[in-house]
Protein backbone atom coordinates (compact mmCIF):
# COMPACT_ATOMS: atom_id res chain seq x y z
CA MET A 1 16.72 -22.20 -14.34
CA SER A 2 15.13 -20.28 -11.73
CA PHE A 3 16.93 -17.76 -9.20
CA VAL A 4 16.30 -20.46 -6.38
CA GLU A 5 17.94 -23.13 -8.45
CA VAL A 6 20.98 -20.98 -9.31
CA MET A 7 21.32 -20.24 -5.61
CA GLU A 8 21.21 -23.77 -4.72
CA VAL A 9 23.77 -24.69 -7.23
CA THR A 10 25.94 -21.61 -6.07
CA ALA A 11 25.63 -22.79 -2.45
CA GLN A 12 26.59 -26.39 -3.48
CA GLY A 13 29.66 -24.94 -5.35
CA PHE A 14 30.69 -23.04 -2.19
CA GLU A 15 30.43 -26.08 -0.13
CA ALA A 16 32.37 -28.25 -2.73
CA PHE A 17 34.93 -25.55 -2.67
CA GLY A 18 35.25 -25.41 1.05
CA ALA A 19 35.52 -29.22 1.23
CA ALA A 20 38.42 -28.95 -1.50
CA VAL A 21 40.11 -26.33 0.50
CA LEU A 22 39.98 -28.54 3.55
CA VAL A 23 41.35 -31.70 1.69
CA LEU A 24 44.01 -29.71 -0.34
CA GLY A 25 44.92 -27.65 2.69
CA LEU A 26 45.63 -30.88 4.82
CA LEU A 27 47.87 -32.10 1.84
CA TRP A 28 49.73 -28.75 1.48
CA SER A 29 50.04 -28.64 5.34
CA LEU A 30 51.50 -32.14 5.58
CA GLY A 31 53.94 -31.13 2.69
CA LEU A 32 54.99 -27.97 4.46
CA ALA A 33 55.73 -30.17 7.67
CA ALA A 34 57.56 -32.63 5.75
CA LEU A 35 59.80 -29.97 4.25
CA VAL A 36 60.60 -28.57 7.40
CA TRP A 37 61.38 -31.94 8.97
CA ARG A 38 63.43 -32.92 6.10
CA ARG A 39 65.44 -29.75 6.31
CA SER A 40 65.78 -29.46 10.06
CA ARG A 41 65.23 -32.92 11.35
CA GLN A 42 63.46 -31.08 14.47
CA GLY A 43 60.07 -32.97 14.91
CA GLN A 44 58.70 -30.20 17.21
CA GLU A 45 59.23 -27.57 14.53
CA ALA A 46 57.62 -29.56 11.80
CA TYR A 47 54.67 -30.31 14.17
CA ARG A 48 54.35 -26.58 14.87
CA VAL A 49 54.41 -25.69 11.20
CA LEU A 50 51.81 -28.54 10.38
CA ARG A 51 49.43 -27.24 13.34
CA SER A 52 49.74 -23.62 12.13
CA ALA A 53 49.30 -24.41 8.43
CA PHE A 54 46.34 -26.68 8.89
CA GLY A 55 44.57 -24.24 11.58
CA GLY A 56 44.79 -21.64 9.00
CA VAL A 57 43.38 -24.01 6.32
CA LEU A 58 40.52 -24.82 9.08
CA LEU A 59 39.89 -21.14 9.47
CA LEU A 60 39.58 -20.51 5.53
CA GLY A 61 37.42 -23.61 5.18
CA LEU A 62 34.96 -22.48 7.88
CA GLU A 63 34.69 -18.95 6.25
CA ILE A 64 33.83 -20.65 2.99
CA LEU A 65 31.27 -23.14 4.54
CA VAL A 66 29.64 -20.15 6.48
CA ALA A 67 29.21 -18.39 2.98
CA ALA A 68 27.49 -21.36 1.59
CA ASP A 69 25.09 -21.49 4.58
CA LEU A 70 24.34 -17.83 4.13
CA ILE A 71 23.48 -18.34 0.44
CA LYS A 72 21.44 -21.29 1.29
CA THR A 73 19.44 -19.47 3.81
CA VAL A 74 19.08 -16.10 2.50
CA ALA A 75 18.52 -16.93 -1.19
CA VAL A 76 17.23 -20.29 -1.30
CA ALA A 77 14.76 -20.98 1.75
CA THR A 78 14.30 -18.02 3.97
CA THR A 79 12.05 -19.30 6.91
CA ILE A 80 12.34 -18.24 10.54
CA GLU A 81 13.26 -21.84 11.14
CA ASN A 82 16.14 -21.62 8.56
CA VAL A 83 17.33 -18.47 9.98
CA GLY A 84 17.55 -19.88 13.36
CA VAL A 85 19.51 -22.70 12.20
CA LEU A 86 21.71 -20.50 10.34
CA GLY A 87 22.34 -18.30 13.34
CA LEU A 88 23.18 -21.46 15.39
CA ILE A 89 25.71 -22.72 12.72
CA VAL A 90 27.26 -19.31 12.50
CA LEU A 91 27.50 -19.11 16.44
CA ILE A 92 29.27 -22.62 16.54
CA ARG A 93 31.63 -21.90 13.52
CA THR A 94 32.32 -18.48 14.88
CA PHE A 95 33.37 -19.92 18.17
CA LEU A 96 35.42 -22.87 16.45
CA SER A 97 37.24 -20.01 14.51
CA PHE A 98 37.71 -17.87 17.60
CA SER A 99 39.13 -21.03 19.40
CA LEU A 100 41.41 -22.02 16.46
CA GLU A 101 42.97 -18.48 16.12
CA VAL A 102 43.62 -18.42 19.92
CA GLU A 103 45.13 -21.70 19.88
CA ILE A 104 47.19 -21.02 16.81
CA GLU A 105 48.16 -17.44 17.79
CA GLY A 106 48.47 -17.97 21.31
CA THR A 107 46.92 -14.57 22.01
CA LEU A 108 43.31 -13.07 21.89
CA PRO A 109 42.23 -11.62 18.49
CA TRP A 110 42.07 -8.11 19.91
CA ARG A 111 45.63 -8.28 21.15
CA ARG A 112 47.33 -8.67 17.82
CA ALA A 113 46.90 -7.48 14.11
CA THR A 114 43.91 -8.81 12.04
CA THR A 115 44.26 -12.47 10.96
CA SER A 116 42.15 -14.86 8.64
CA GLY A 117 42.80 -18.23 7.48
CA VAL A 118 44.62 -16.94 4.64
CA GLY A 119 46.95 -14.94 6.95
CA VAL A 120 47.70 -17.84 9.01
CA MET A 121 48.49 -20.07 6.23
CA ALA A 122 50.99 -17.42 4.53
CA ARG A 123 52.70 -17.19 7.96
CA ALA A 124 53.12 -21.00 8.09
CA ALA A 125 54.48 -21.04 4.60
CA ALA A 126 56.82 -18.26 5.44
CA ASP A 127 57.92 -19.96 8.44
CA ALA A 128 58.53 -23.28 6.52
CA ARG A 129 60.65 -21.36 3.94
CA ARG A 130 62.60 -19.51 6.82
CA THR A 131 63.36 -22.91 8.52
CA GLY A 132 64.71 -24.17 5.24
CA ALA A 133 66.87 -21.01 4.70
CA GLU A 134 68.57 -21.21 8.09
CA GLN A 135 69.95 -24.71 7.30
């Protein structure tokens, strides 16, 4: 198997992993929201947890999918056209990530501690546990 073939398979693995993160993350987010709703019977709180948790999942999924695009472009088919397409994809995904972070956190990134998809997901899980402990 050649280097290019290995990198193609690796990129496909990252893409599959990114898709799995999104699907499993949605299920996890729904589970957290259901747990909060069951414990508190507050629909708004459950919705806030769902939105925060799934927002974090989306951020993490975008980060993984950008990695897949980087591998494909840099290691598999390095042409000026592919690099341009990669730049556009990264720009769009960066804008989406930025928008999601601002929406979830309610503040601009440089006005808070560093966050990532995993950090947002961890905070959502902690909020869900804390809501359950208050009951």
